[in-house]
Amino acid sequence: MTGTLLKNSLLALGALAPAWVWAAGGAVEGEIEKQPMNVAAIGIFLAFVLLTLGITKWAAGRTKSTADFYTGGGGITGFQNGLAIAGDYMSAATLLGLTSMVFFKGYDGFVYAVCFFIGWPIILFLMAERLRNLGKFTFADIASYRLDQNRIRTFAAIGSLTVVCFYLIVQMVGAGQLIQLLFGLEYNTAVAVVGVLMMVYVTFGGMTATTWVQIIKACLLLGGGITLMCLTLAQFGWSLDNLFTKAIESHKMGEKLMVPGSLMADPVAALSLSLGLLFGTAGLPHIMMRFFTVPNAKEARKSVFFATGFIGLFFLVTMVLGAGAIYIVGTNPAFFEGGQLGGKLIGGGNMPVMHLAKAVGGDVMLGFLSAVAFATILAVVAGLALAGASAISHDLYARVIKKGNVSGAQEMKVSRLATVGLGLAAIVLGIAFKDQNVLFLVALAFGVASSVNFPVLILSMYWKGLTTRGALFGGLVGLVSSVGLVVLSPAVWVKVLGNAQAIFPYDHPALFSMTAAFVATWLFSVTDKSDRAMKEIAAFDDQFVRAQTGFGAAAAHDH
């Protein structure tokens, strides 16, 4: 039972990719043993916390306006933002999940890494430039650009908050489970520590502090992963050919290790999973928000270019680590319960990379990776909290409730209060969901992002015929269908509600709910012949010019 809980909570420690690793049953369940307190891990983690708190103090002195708070004043370079995006996207669970999937399933793990990766070219070529030219603080700025401000902002804010809240819950549950396992701390303590630090980073430092926390975390994760890869390759004479040959020889699947397996068995499930990953990424509010932190569209493109490079490198590193672990960990009785090769891995099926770190780098490397895992959670929840706070303060409070008649100081005060509220809610929900299967929350977050946020966002930028009515009804259809199908899926209907058979056979609804959202948006837009709709369609030409040229876009100094 404990192994199942860990599997389902680790899946979403990071913001994105890990959700899908565990959803496919990539890891093998095993009983989890609480590890003794790792002094090296706690020491490294405390150093990280002190460094980031110092940065938060520095950032607090620079955070004087709403633009500073939401977007770091728009003065973050493309390279810095690329690292921060990578820090938001790469996660401890990606490291744990993909390496364990390669360890157990071989080539299928690589298929997953490709799925995680393909969303970024879409964002680079279709979205990054227009996001920066049209938006100011949140993606609701873009969705409501020529449509009804009140209704579209309200709906976009609800969509954003839905995704943020689901992710915050799985982050907190994942934090508690992972830290309980690796550090020896109590679950509730770990959840509270993450929640409090998140509130401090965002409340005082805003986007500047959050960005630097993410940059440092990305450097630590990449640095740690590459170092471990080098230590691993050294065991095989620095030869990838030798590494994979040994992996094939020592794995029970043999030659089948290097060919596609069960993941491609059901093409509908594979397509729905891929669509959810591809377009869910482009609908996540905390990822979209990062594009408003750079000075112009050129830097926005550059930031996705760098992020894609860093993320791609990280996935390649995880592939090598997974393959190396097959031989180094898989043939060492010390890492299996009772010293029996082929038995259960100590610490459960998610730990091959941690055992690999211990085997080639000793307690120091194991401690470093453990500390980075905790740091990862902090970086991601800070980004989520900021996205949630901006939806409440900028979209709902300043634009909908106050109709824009609000000072920057008032808006920032509401933002900080919203951050504290979100932090407290995250701690309470993290403790409340301690023993729950959280897999469905991840499926739900991606379902909502790909079926509610993405269709409205992409159509508002590219389709002249979009109207307020179409956006609202299409988004509503996407929301109801994505939530409904997840409830009827095996993840909830069987595993949570205890029914014998799921009504909807797939865990991931994107293929069906996203299609329904696009069709409904189109149908309700083309049948809308009101005067308001005609004006909204006519306003597209002005929007198109600004999206292409940036003329009239908020500059870094005049947000």
Protein backbone atom coordinates (compact mmCIF):
# COMPACT_ATOMS: atom_id res chain seq x y z
CA MET A 1 0.00 0.00 0.00
CA THR A 2 2.77 2.42 0.92
CA GLY A 3 4.52 1.70 -2.37
CA THR A 4 1.35 2.55 -4.28
CA LEU A 5 0.94 5.81 -2.38
CA LEU A 6 4.52 6.84 -3.04
CA LYS A 7 4.19 5.96 -6.70
CA ASN A 8 1.10 8.08 -7.07
CA SER A 9 2.42 11.02 -5.09
CA LEU A 10 5.90 11.18 -6.59
CA LEU A 11 4.39 11.42 -10.05
CA ALA A 12 3.88 15.15 -9.88
CA LEU A 13 6.67 16.52 -7.76
CA GLY A 14 7.66 18.65 -10.70
CA ALA A 15 5.24 20.71 -12.63
CA LEU A 16 4.84 18.70 -15.76
CA ALA A 17 6.42 15.61 -17.19
CA PRO A 18 6.45 13.27 -14.18
CA ALA A 19 2.68 13.03 -14.14
CA TRP A 20 2.68 10.81 -17.17
CA VAL A 21 5.49 8.50 -16.16
CA TRP A 22 3.63 7.01 -13.25
CA ALA A 23 0.28 7.21 -15.03
CA ALA A 24 1.56 4.59 -17.45
CA GLY A 25 2.57 2.32 -14.60
CA GLY A 26 6.20 2.83 -15.49
CA ALA A 27 7.50 2.15 -12.01
CA VAL A 28 7.32 -1.09 -10.11
CA GLU A 29 5.65 -0.97 -6.75
CA GLY A 30 7.62 -1.89 -3.67
CA GLU A 31 7.42 -1.43 0.06
CA ILE A 32 9.00 1.83 1.13
CA GLU A 33 11.42 1.92 4.00
CA LYS A 34 11.96 5.20 5.79
CA GLN A 35 15.61 6.08 5.35
CA PRO A 36 17.87 7.20 8.20
CA MET A 37 18.46 10.95 8.42
CA ASN A 38 20.92 11.92 5.68
CA VAL A 39 23.19 14.60 7.17
CA ALA A 40 24.78 15.50 3.82
CA ALA A 41 21.36 15.98 2.21
CA ILE A 42 20.07 18.20 5.02
CA GLY A 43 23.29 20.26 5.03
CA ILE A 44 23.13 20.88 1.27
CA PHE A 45 19.43 21.68 1.46
CA LEU A 46 19.90 24.18 4.29
CA ALA A 47 22.65 25.88 2.25
CA PHE A 48 20.19 26.15 -0.67
CA VAL A 49 17.48 27.62 1.58
CA LEU A 50 19.87 30.21 3.08
CA LEU A 51 21.10 31.22 -0.38
CA THR A 52 17.56 31.61 -1.76
CA LEU A 53 16.39 33.52 1.32
CA GLY A 54 19.31 35.90 0.77
CA ILE A 55 18.20 36.35 -2.85
CA THR A 56 14.62 36.96 -1.66
CA LYS A 57 15.87 39.74 0.65
CA TRP A 58 17.75 41.29 -2.27
CA ALA A 59 14.73 40.90 -4.58
CA ALA A 60 12.40 42.46 -1.99
CA GLY A 61 14.40 45.69 -2.22
CA ARG A 62 13.85 45.77 -5.99
CA THR A 63 10.14 44.85 -5.93
CA LYS A 64 8.44 48.23 -5.83
CA SER A 65 5.70 48.03 -8.51
CA THR A 66 3.20 45.50 -9.84
CA ALA A 67 5.45 44.97 -12.87
CA ASP A 68 8.35 44.13 -10.54
CA PHE A 69 6.16 41.74 -8.54
CA TYR A 70 4.53 39.88 -11.44
CA THR A 71 7.26 39.96 -14.09
CA GLY A 72 10.52 41.05 -12.42
CA GLY A 73 10.12 44.42 -14.16
CA GLY A 74 10.30 42.68 -17.54
CA GLY A 75 14.08 42.94 -17.33
CA ILE A 76 15.07 39.26 -17.20
CA THR A 77 17.25 38.19 -20.16
CA GLY A 78 16.35 35.41 -22.58
CA PHE A 79 19.13 33.17 -21.27
CA GLN A 80 18.11 33.69 -17.63
CA ASN A 81 14.45 33.12 -18.46
CA GLY A 82 15.34 29.99 -20.44
CA LEU A 83 17.09 28.56 -17.40
CA ALA A 84 14.16 29.55 -15.18
CA ILE A 85 11.64 27.89 -17.55
CA ALA A 86 13.80 24.76 -17.54
CA GLY A 87 13.86 24.95 -13.74
CA ASP A 88 10.06 25.17 -13.74
CA TYR A 89 9.75 22.19 -16.08
CA MET A 90 12.52 19.77 -15.05
CA SER A 91 11.79 18.08 -11.78
CA ALA A 92 12.97 15.63 -9.20
CA ALA A 93 10.26 13.24 -10.30
CA THR A 94 11.37 13.52 -13.91
CA LEU A 95 14.78 12.39 -12.73
CA LEU A 96 13.31 9.62 -10.57
CA GLY A 97 10.51 8.69 -12.97
CA LEU A 98 12.28 8.57 -16.31
CA THR A 99 15.35 6.79 -14.95
CA SER A 100 13.17 4.17 -13.25
CA MET A 101 11.13 3.75 -16.42
CA VAL A 102 14.28 3.14 -18.49
CA PHE A 103 15.50 0.83 -15.71
CA PHE A 104 12.36 -1.32 -15.94
CA LYS A 105 11.03 -0.77 -19.47
CA GLY A 106 14.01 0.33 -21.56
CA TYR A 107 13.08 2.05 -24.81
CA ASP A 108 9.60 2.99 -23.56
CA GLY A 109 11.25 5.41 -21.17
CA PHE A 110 12.87 7.17 -24.12
CA VAL A 111 9.47 7.37 -25.87
CA TYR A 112 8.14 9.23 -22.83
CA ALA A 113 11.05 11.67 -22.84
CA VAL A 114 10.28 12.52 -26.48
CA CYS A 115 6.61 13.08 -25.57
CA PHE A 116 7.62 15.53 -22.83
CA PHE A 117 9.88 17.35 -25.24
CA ILE A 118 7.67 17.93 -28.30
CA GLY A 119 5.55 20.64 -26.67
CA TRP A 120 8.40 23.15 -26.67
CA PRO A 121 8.79 23.70 -30.45
CA ILE A 122 5.01 24.41 -30.54
CA ILE A 123 5.45 27.09 -27.88
CA LEU A 124 8.57 28.47 -29.62
CA PHE A 125 7.09 28.84 -33.11
CA LEU A 126 3.40 29.50 -32.40
CA MET A 127 3.15 31.24 -29.05
CA ALA A 128 6.22 32.81 -27.43
CA GLU A 129 6.41 35.96 -29.56
CA ARG A 130 2.68 36.69 -29.55
CA LEU A 131 2.43 36.02 -25.81
CA ARG A 132 5.05 38.68 -25.11
CA ASN A 133 3.64 41.23 -27.57
CA LEU A 134 0.01 40.92 -26.46
CA GLY A 135 0.26 40.18 -22.73
CA LYS A 136 1.19 42.14 -19.68
CA PHE A 137 1.07 39.99 -16.54
CA THR A 138 -1.16 36.92 -17.14
CA PHE A 139 -2.41 34.89 -20.09
CA ALA A 140 -5.93 36.24 -19.39
CA ASP A 141 -4.57 39.56 -20.76
CA ILE A 142 -4.25 37.85 -24.15
CA ALA A 143 -7.47 35.82 -24.07
CA SER A 144 -9.49 38.94 -23.23
CA TYR A 145 -7.58 41.32 -25.55
CA ARG A 146 -10.51 41.99 -27.94
CA LEU A 147 -13.25 40.08 -26.10
CA ASP A 148 -15.45 40.95 -23.11
CA GLN A 149 -12.93 41.77 -20.36
CA ASN A 150 -15.04 40.85 -17.34
CA ARG A 151 -16.41 37.52 -18.51
CA ILE A 152 -13.25 36.22 -20.25
CA ARG A 153 -10.93 37.33 -17.43
CA THR A 154 -13.17 35.68 -14.86
CA PHE A 155 -13.28 32.44 -16.83
CA ALA A 156 -9.51 32.48 -17.57
CA ALA A 157 -8.76 33.15 -13.90
CA ILE A 158 -10.95 30.21 -12.86
CA GLY A 159 -9.16 27.96 -15.37
CA SER A 160 -5.76 29.12 -14.09
CA LEU A 161 -6.69 28.68 -10.43
CA THR A 162 -8.09 25.20 -11.12
CA VAL A 163 -4.81 24.03 -12.63
CA VAL A 164 -2.72 25.79 -9.96
CA CYS A 165 -4.70 24.30 -7.06
CA PHE A 166 -4.57 20.73 -8.41
CA TYR A 167 -0.83 21.04 -8.93
CA LEU A 168 -0.23 22.59 -5.54
CA ILE A 169 -1.96 19.62 -3.88
CA VAL A 170 0.14 17.04 -5.69
CA GLN A 171 3.28 19.09 -5.07
CA MET A 172 2.59 19.12 -1.34
CA VAL A 173 1.71 15.43 -1.15
CA GLY A 174 4.80 14.64 -3.20
CA ALA A 175 6.95 16.85 -0.98
CA GLY A 176 5.76 15.13 2.17
CA GLN A 177 6.23 11.62 0.78
CA LEU A 178 9.63 12.22 -0.80
CA ILE A 179 11.14 14.10 2.11
CA GLN A 180 9.76 11.56 4.58
CA LEU A 181 11.57 8.93 2.54
CA LEU A 182 14.87 10.68 1.85
CA PHE A 183 15.39 12.97 4.85
CA GLY A 184 13.69 11.13 7.68
CA LEU A 185 11.47 14.17 8.45
CA GLU A 186 7.80 13.78 9.37
CA TYR A 187 5.28 14.19 6.55
CA ASN A 188 3.39 17.14 8.09
CA THR A 189 6.67 18.92 8.90
CA ALA A 190 7.90 18.59 5.32
CA VAL A 191 4.60 19.94 3.93
CA ALA A 192 4.67 22.90 6.33
CA VAL A 193 8.32 23.74 5.52
CA VAL A 194 7.62 23.79 1.76
CA GLY A 195 4.47 25.91 2.26
CA VAL A 196 6.13 28.50 4.49
CA LEU A 197 9.23 28.88 2.28
CA MET A 198 6.99 29.27 -0.79
CA MET A 199 5.05 32.07 0.93
CA VAL A 200 8.29 33.85 1.87
CA TYR A 201 9.78 33.69 -1.65
CA VAL A 202 6.67 34.94 -3.42
CA THR A 203 5.30 37.40 -0.84
CA PHE A 204 8.56 39.29 -0.38
CA GLY A 205 10.55 38.63 -3.55
CA GLY A 206 7.83 38.27 -6.19
CA MET A 207 8.87 37.14 -9.68
CA THR A 208 12.51 38.20 -9.26
CA ALA A 209 13.07 35.90 -6.29
CA THR A 210 11.02 33.09 -7.88
CA THR A 211 13.06 33.35 -11.09
CA TRP A 212 16.40 33.08 -9.30
CA VAL A 213 15.19 30.18 -7.15
CA GLN A 214 14.27 28.39 -10.40
CA ILE A 215 17.59 29.28 -12.07
CA ILE A 216 19.64 27.97 -9.13
CA LYS A 217 17.54 24.82 -8.97
CA ALA A 218 17.96 24.21 -12.73
CA CYS A 219 21.74 24.58 -12.41
CA LEU A 220 21.80 22.20 -9.42
CA LEU A 221 19.67 19.58 -11.17
CA LEU A 222 21.60 19.77 -14.46
CA GLY A 223 24.95 19.91 -12.67
CA GLY A 224 24.06 16.98 -10.42
CA GLY A 225 22.67 14.93 -13.30
CA ILE A 226 25.66 15.53 -15.59
CA THR A 227 28.13 14.79 -12.77
CA LEU A 228 26.34 11.53 -12.01
CA MET A 229 26.29 10.69 -15.73
CA CYS A 230 30.06 11.23 -15.96
CA LEU A 231 30.66 9.06 -12.89
CA THR A 232 28.44 6.39 -14.46
CA LEU A 233 30.11 6.52 -17.90
CA ALA A 234 33.50 6.18 -16.21
CA GLN A 235 32.36 2.74 -15.02
CA PHE A 236 31.95 1.70 -18.68
CA GLY A 237 35.21 3.11 -20.05
CA TRP A 238 33.35 6.25 -21.28
CA SER A 239 31.67 4.14 -23.96
CA LEU A 240 27.91 4.43 -24.55
CA ASP A 241 28.10 1.33 -26.74
CA ASN A 242 29.64 -0.61 -23.86
CA LEU A 243 27.01 0.77 -21.44
CA PHE A 244 24.02 -0.28 -23.56
CA THR A 245 25.56 -3.66 -24.40
CA LYS A 246 25.99 -4.41 -20.67
CA ALA A 247 22.44 -3.15 -20.00
CA ILE A 248 20.95 -5.49 -22.63
CA GLU A 249 22.99 -8.45 -21.36
CA SER A 250 21.94 -7.96 -17.73
CA HIS A 251 18.25 -7.06 -18.22
CA LYS A 252 15.55 -9.75 -18.21
CA MET A 253 14.03 -8.26 -21.40
CA GLY A 254 17.28 -8.77 -23.32
CA GLU A 255 17.18 -7.38 -26.88
CA LYS A 256 13.55 -6.28 -26.38
CA LEU A 257 14.88 -3.60 -24.02
CA MET A 258 15.76 -1.49 -27.07
CA VAL A 259 12.44 -1.69 -28.96
CA PRO A 260 9.03 -0.06 -28.24
CA GLY A 261 6.89 -2.06 -25.82
CA SER A 262 3.54 -1.82 -24.08
CA LEU A 263 3.23 1.98 -24.33
CA MET A 264 2.34 1.81 -28.01
CA ALA A 265 -0.08 -1.12 -27.59
CA ASP A 266 -3.17 1.12 -27.47
CA PRO A 267 -2.88 3.91 -30.08
CA VAL A 268 -5.89 5.85 -28.72
CA ALA A 269 -4.42 6.00 -25.20
CA ALA A 270 -1.01 6.94 -26.60
CA LEU A 271 -2.49 9.72 -28.75
CA SER A 272 -4.60 11.12 -25.89
CA LEU A 273 -1.57 11.07 -23.59
CA SER A 274 0.61 12.80 -26.20
CA LEU A 275 -1.98 15.49 -26.97
CA GLY A 276 -2.42 16.17 -23.25
CA LEU A 277 1.32 16.61 -22.80
CA LEU A 278 1.78 18.63 -25.96
CA PHE A 279 -1.03 21.14 -25.52
CA GLY A 280 -1.38 20.93 -21.73
CA THR A 281 2.12 22.40 -21.46
CA ALA A 282 1.01 25.33 -23.63
CA GLY A 283 -1.97 25.96 -21.33
CA LEU A 284 -0.22 25.93 -17.96
CA PRO A 285 -0.48 29.42 -16.40
CA HIS A 286 2.84 29.32 -14.52
CA ILE A 287 4.70 28.44 -17.74
CA MET A 288 2.89 31.09 -19.81
CA MET A 289 3.56 33.74 -17.17
CA ARG A 290 7.30 33.40 -17.67
CA PHE A 291 7.07 35.00 -21.13
CA PHE A 292 6.07 38.35 -19.65
CA THR A 293 9.33 38.60 -17.67
CA VAL A 294 11.52 39.40 -20.70
CA PRO A 295 11.89 42.85 -22.33
CA ASN A 296 10.61 41.96 -25.81
CA ALA A 297 9.47 39.24 -28.22
CA LYS A 298 13.03 38.52 -29.39
CA GLU A 299 14.06 37.64 -25.83
CA ALA A 300 10.86 35.56 -25.44
CA ARG A 301 11.87 33.44 -28.45
CA LYS A 302 15.41 33.22 -27.14
CA SER A 303 14.20 32.04 -23.73
CA VAL A 304 12.26 29.13 -25.27
CA PHE A 305 15.28 28.27 -27.43
CA PHE A 306 17.54 28.01 -24.38
CA ALA A 307 14.87 26.23 -22.31
CA THR A 308 14.43 23.63 -25.06
CA GLY A 309 18.18 23.01 -25.12
CA PHE A 310 18.47 22.62 -21.34
CA ILE A 311 15.40 20.38 -21.11
CA GLY A 312 16.55 18.21 -24.02
CA LEU A 313 19.98 17.81 -22.42
CA PHE A 314 18.38 16.83 -19.12
CA PHE A 315 16.23 14.14 -20.75
CA LEU A 316 19.25 12.68 -22.55
CA VAL A 317 21.11 12.57 -19.22
CA THR A 318 18.22 10.67 -17.59
CA MET A 319 18.31 8.10 -20.40
CA VAL A 320 22.00 7.39 -19.79
CA LEU A 321 21.45 7.20 -16.02
CA GLY A 322 18.55 4.75 -16.42
CA ALA A 323 20.56 2.50 -18.73
CA GLY A 324 23.61 2.68 -16.45
CA ALA A 325 21.48 1.76 -13.44
CA ILE A 326 20.30 -1.43 -15.20
CA TYR A 327 23.82 -2.85 -14.94
CA ILE A 328 25.29 -1.09 -11.88
CA VAL A 329 22.21 -1.29 -9.61
CA GLY A 330 20.42 -4.25 -11.21
CA THR A 331 23.35 -6.64 -10.75
CA ASN A 332 24.26 -5.54 -7.20
CA PRO A 333 22.51 -7.56 -4.44
CA ALA A 334 23.17 -4.73 -1.93
CA PHE A 335 20.32 -2.69 -3.45
CA PHE A 336 17.67 -5.41 -3.20
CA GLU A 337 15.70 -6.52 -0.13
CA GLY A 338 17.32 -9.55 1.45
CA GLY A 339 20.24 -9.27 -0.96
CA GLN A 340 18.30 -11.25 -3.60
CA LEU A 341 18.86 -10.13 -7.19
CA GLY A 342 15.57 -9.80 -9.03
CA GLY A 343 13.72 -9.10 -5.77
CA LYS A 344 12.21 -5.78 -4.72
CA LEU A 345 14.41 -2.72 -4.85
CA ILE A 346 15.14 -1.16 -1.46
CA GLY A 347 13.09 2.04 -1.26
CA GLY A 348 10.62 0.94 -3.94
CA GLY A 349 10.64 1.05 -7.71
CA ASN A 350 11.25 4.78 -7.97
CA MET A 351 14.76 4.74 -6.56
CA PRO A 352 17.18 3.34 -9.20
CA VAL A 353 18.85 6.72 -9.76
CA MET A 354 19.30 7.24 -6.01
CA HIS A 355 20.90 3.80 -5.71
CA LEU A 356 23.08 4.66 -8.72
CA ALA A 357 24.21 7.86 -6.98
CA LYS A 358 25.12 5.85 -3.89
CA ALA A 359 26.98 3.24 -5.97
CA VAL A 360 29.15 5.63 -8.00
CA GLY A 361 29.29 8.75 -5.78
CA GLY A 362 28.75 7.56 -2.21
CA ASP A 363 26.71 9.32 0.49
CA VAL A 364 27.73 12.80 -0.71
CA MET A 365 26.24 12.28 -4.19
CA LEU A 366 23.14 10.66 -2.70
CA GLY A 367 22.78 13.58 -0.28
CA PHE A 368 23.22 16.12 -3.07
CA LEU A 369 20.50 14.55 -5.24
CA SER A 370 18.16 14.29 -2.24
CA ALA A 371 18.67 17.98 -1.47
CA VAL A 372 18.07 18.94 -5.10
CA ALA A 373 14.82 16.94 -5.00
CA PHE A 374 13.53 19.10 -2.14
CA ALA A 375 14.83 22.30 -3.77
CA THR A 376 12.96 21.33 -6.93
CA ILE A 377 9.63 21.27 -5.13
CA LEU A 378 10.25 24.73 -3.68
CA ALA A 379 11.04 26.20 -7.10
CA VAL A 380 7.91 24.75 -8.70
CA VAL A 381 5.46 25.67 -5.94
CA ALA A 382 6.79 29.24 -5.93
CA GLY A 383 5.97 29.53 -9.64
CA LEU A 384 2.53 28.00 -9.10
CA ALA A 385 1.76 30.32 -6.18
CA LEU A 386 2.75 33.39 -8.19
CA ALA A 387 0.52 32.33 -11.11
CA GLY A 388 -2.40 31.73 -8.74
CA ALA A 389 -1.88 35.02 -6.89
CA SER A 390 -1.73 36.99 -10.15
CA ALA A 391 -5.00 35.42 -11.34
CA ILE A 392 -6.69 36.54 -8.11
CA SER A 393 -5.19 40.02 -7.80
CA HIS A 394 -4.63 41.13 -11.42
CA ASP A 395 -7.49 39.43 -13.24
CA LEU A 396 -10.27 39.11 -10.66
CA TYR A 397 -9.61 41.95 -8.19
CA ALA A 398 -8.04 44.72 -10.29
CA ARG A 399 -9.81 44.14 -13.62
CA VAL A 400 -13.15 42.49 -12.86
CA ILE A 401 -14.07 43.76 -9.39
CA LYS A 402 -12.40 47.20 -9.48
CA LYS A 403 -12.68 47.69 -13.29
CA GLY A 404 -9.05 48.88 -13.41
CA ASN A 405 -9.61 51.62 -10.81
CA VAL A 406 -6.96 50.39 -8.42
CA SER A 407 -3.46 51.52 -7.50
CA GLY A 408 -0.39 49.34 -7.95
CA ALA A 409 0.14 49.29 -4.17
CA GLN A 410 -3.39 47.98 -3.57
CA GLU A 411 -2.99 45.29 -6.25
CA MET A 412 0.34 44.14 -4.77
CA LYS A 413 -1.22 43.98 -1.30
CA VAL A 414 -3.99 41.71 -2.63
CA SER A 415 -1.35 39.61 -4.42
CA ARG A 416 0.60 39.09 -1.21
CA LEU A 417 -2.55 38.22 0.74
CA ALA A 418 -3.53 35.79 -2.04
CA THR A 419 -0.08 34.19 -1.85
CA VAL A 420 -0.39 33.65 1.90
CA GLY A 421 -3.91 32.28 1.41
CA LEU A 422 -2.73 29.89 -1.32
CA GLY A 423 0.21 28.80 0.85
CA LEU A 424 -1.99 28.03 3.86
CA ALA A 425 -4.52 26.24 1.64
CA ALA A 426 -1.73 24.19 0.07
CA ILE A 427 -0.44 23.10 3.48
CA VAL A 428 -3.93 22.13 4.71
CA LEU A 429 -4.79 20.29 1.48
CA GLY A 430 -1.39 18.59 1.39
CA ILE A 431 -2.01 17.18 4.87
CA ALA A 432 -5.65 16.31 4.07
CA PHE A 433 -4.65 14.38 0.91
CA LYS A 434 -1.82 12.57 2.67
CA ASP A 435 -3.21 9.07 2.13
CA GLN A 436 -5.09 9.71 -1.12
CA ASN A 437 -4.30 8.55 -4.63
CA VAL A 438 -3.44 11.85 -6.33
CA LEU A 439 -2.99 10.49 -9.86
CA PHE A 440 -6.41 11.83 -10.91
CA LEU A 441 -5.47 15.38 -9.85
CA VAL A 442 -2.59 15.40 -12.30
CA ALA A 443 -4.73 14.03 -15.12
CA LEU A 444 -7.29 16.69 -14.22
CA ALA A 445 -4.73 19.52 -14.25
CA PHE A 446 -3.48 18.57 -17.71
CA GLY A 447 -7.04 17.93 -18.91
CA VAL A 448 -8.12 21.42 -17.82
CA ALA A 449 -4.96 23.08 -19.21
CA SER A 450 -5.28 21.43 -22.63
CA SER A 451 -9.09 21.64 -22.89
CA VAL A 452 -9.92 24.99 -21.22
CA ASN A 453 -6.86 27.27 -21.31
CA PHE A 454 -5.14 26.21 -24.52
CA PRO A 455 -8.07 26.36 -27.01
CA VAL A 456 -9.15 29.84 -25.89
CA LEU A 457 -5.56 31.09 -25.82
CA ILE A 458 -4.50 29.80 -29.24
CA LEU A 459 -7.74 30.76 -30.99
CA SER A 460 -7.70 34.27 -29.49
CA MET A 461 -4.25 34.75 -31.07
CA TYR A 462 -4.85 33.09 -34.46
CA TRP A 463 -8.57 32.99 -35.34
CA LYS A 464 -10.34 36.15 -36.40
CA GLY A 465 -13.78 34.60 -35.91
CA LEU A 466 -13.47 33.96 -32.16
CA THR A 467 -16.18 35.69 -30.10
CA THR A 468 -16.81 36.02 -26.38
CA ARG A 469 -19.73 33.60 -26.60
CA GLY A 470 -17.62 31.02 -28.43
CA ALA A 471 -14.74 31.32 -25.95
CA LEU A 472 -17.01 30.98 -22.91
CA PHE A 473 -19.09 28.05 -24.18
CA GLY A 474 -16.05 26.30 -25.66
CA GLY A 475 -14.12 26.70 -22.42
CA LEU A 476 -17.12 25.47 -20.43
CA VAL A 477 -17.46 22.37 -22.61
CA GLY A 478 -13.72 21.74 -22.19
CA LEU A 479 -13.94 22.13 -18.42
CA VAL A 480 -16.98 19.88 -17.95
CA SER A 481 -15.73 17.19 -20.33
CA SER A 482 -12.16 17.09 -18.97
CA VAL A 483 -13.32 16.92 -15.33
CA GLY A 484 -16.13 14.49 -16.15
CA LEU A 485 -13.95 12.09 -18.14
CA VAL A 486 -11.27 12.04 -15.42
CA VAL A 487 -13.93 11.18 -12.83
CA LEU A 488 -15.18 8.33 -15.07
CA SER A 489 -11.61 7.13 -15.82
CA PRO A 490 -9.81 4.17 -14.16
CA ALA A 491 -7.78 6.64 -12.04
CA VAL A 492 -10.90 7.79 -10.15
CA TRP A 493 -13.83 5.47 -10.96
CA VAL A 494 -11.85 2.34 -10.07
CA LYS A 495 -8.89 3.36 -7.89
CA VAL A 496 -10.55 6.10 -5.81
CA LEU A 497 -14.27 5.27 -5.89
CA GLY A 498 -13.72 1.50 -5.82
CA ASN A 499 -15.91 0.49 -8.77
CA ALA A 500 -15.09 -2.69 -10.67
CA GLN A 501 -14.77 -1.15 -14.13
CA ALA A 502 -14.25 2.38 -15.45
CA ILE A 503 -16.98 3.96 -17.62
CA PHE A 504 -14.34 5.91 -19.62
CA PRO A 505 -11.44 3.54 -20.38
CA TYR A 506 -8.56 6.07 -20.62
CA ASP A 507 -6.75 7.94 -17.83
CA HIS A 508 -6.06 10.97 -20.01
CA PRO A 509 -9.02 12.80 -21.57
CA ALA A 510 -7.26 15.32 -23.87
CA LEU A 511 -8.07 13.64 -27.21
CA PHE A 512 -11.81 13.82 -26.43
CA SER A 513 -12.19 16.89 -24.17
CA MET A 514 -9.86 19.14 -26.18
CA THR A 515 -11.57 18.19 -29.44
CA ALA A 516 -14.97 18.93 -27.87
CA ALA A 517 -13.70 22.32 -26.65
CA PHE A 518 -12.42 23.36 -30.10
CA VAL A 519 -15.62 22.23 -31.83
CA ALA A 520 -17.84 24.04 -29.30
CA THR A 521 -15.73 27.22 -29.52
CA TRP A 522 -16.01 27.21 -33.32
CA LEU A 523 -19.74 26.41 -33.34
CA PHE A 524 -20.78 29.05 -30.80
CA SER A 525 -18.55 31.66 -32.47
CA VAL A 526 -19.76 31.21 -36.07
CA THR A 527 -23.40 31.23 -34.96
CA ASP A 528 -22.95 34.47 -32.97
CA LYS A 529 -24.22 37.32 -35.16
CA SER A 530 -24.57 39.97 -32.42
CA ASP A 531 -23.18 43.50 -32.78
CA ARG A 532 -20.62 42.76 -30.05
CA ALA A 533 -19.39 39.74 -32.02
CA MET A 534 -18.97 41.82 -35.19
CA LYS A 535 -16.88 44.39 -33.28
CA GLU A 536 -14.74 41.64 -31.73
CA ILE A 537 -14.05 40.15 -35.16
CA ALA A 538 -13.23 43.59 -36.60
CA ALA A 539 -10.77 44.24 -33.75
CA PHE A 540 -8.64 41.24 -34.79
CA ASP A 541 -6.70 43.23 -37.39
CA ASP A 542 -5.33 45.65 -34.78
CA GLN A 543 -4.48 42.71 -32.52
CA PHE A 544 -2.72 40.94 -35.41
CA VAL A 545 -0.47 43.97 -36.09
CA ARG A 546 0.54 44.20 -32.44
CA ALA A 547 1.09 40.43 -32.17
CA GLN A 548 3.44 40.56 -35.19
CA THR A 549 5.30 43.80 -34.53
CA GLY A 550 5.01 44.39 -30.79
CA PHE A 551 3.86 47.95 -31.60
CA GLY A 552 2.02 49.21 -28.52
CA ALA A 553 3.14 46.27 -26.36
CA ALA A 554 3.98 46.95 -22.73
CA ALA A 555 7.71 47.63 -22.50
CA ALA A 556 9.91 46.49 -19.64
CA HIS A 557 9.82 49.91 -17.99
CA ASP A 558 6.16 50.86 -18.51
CA HIS A 559 4.19 47.77 -17.52
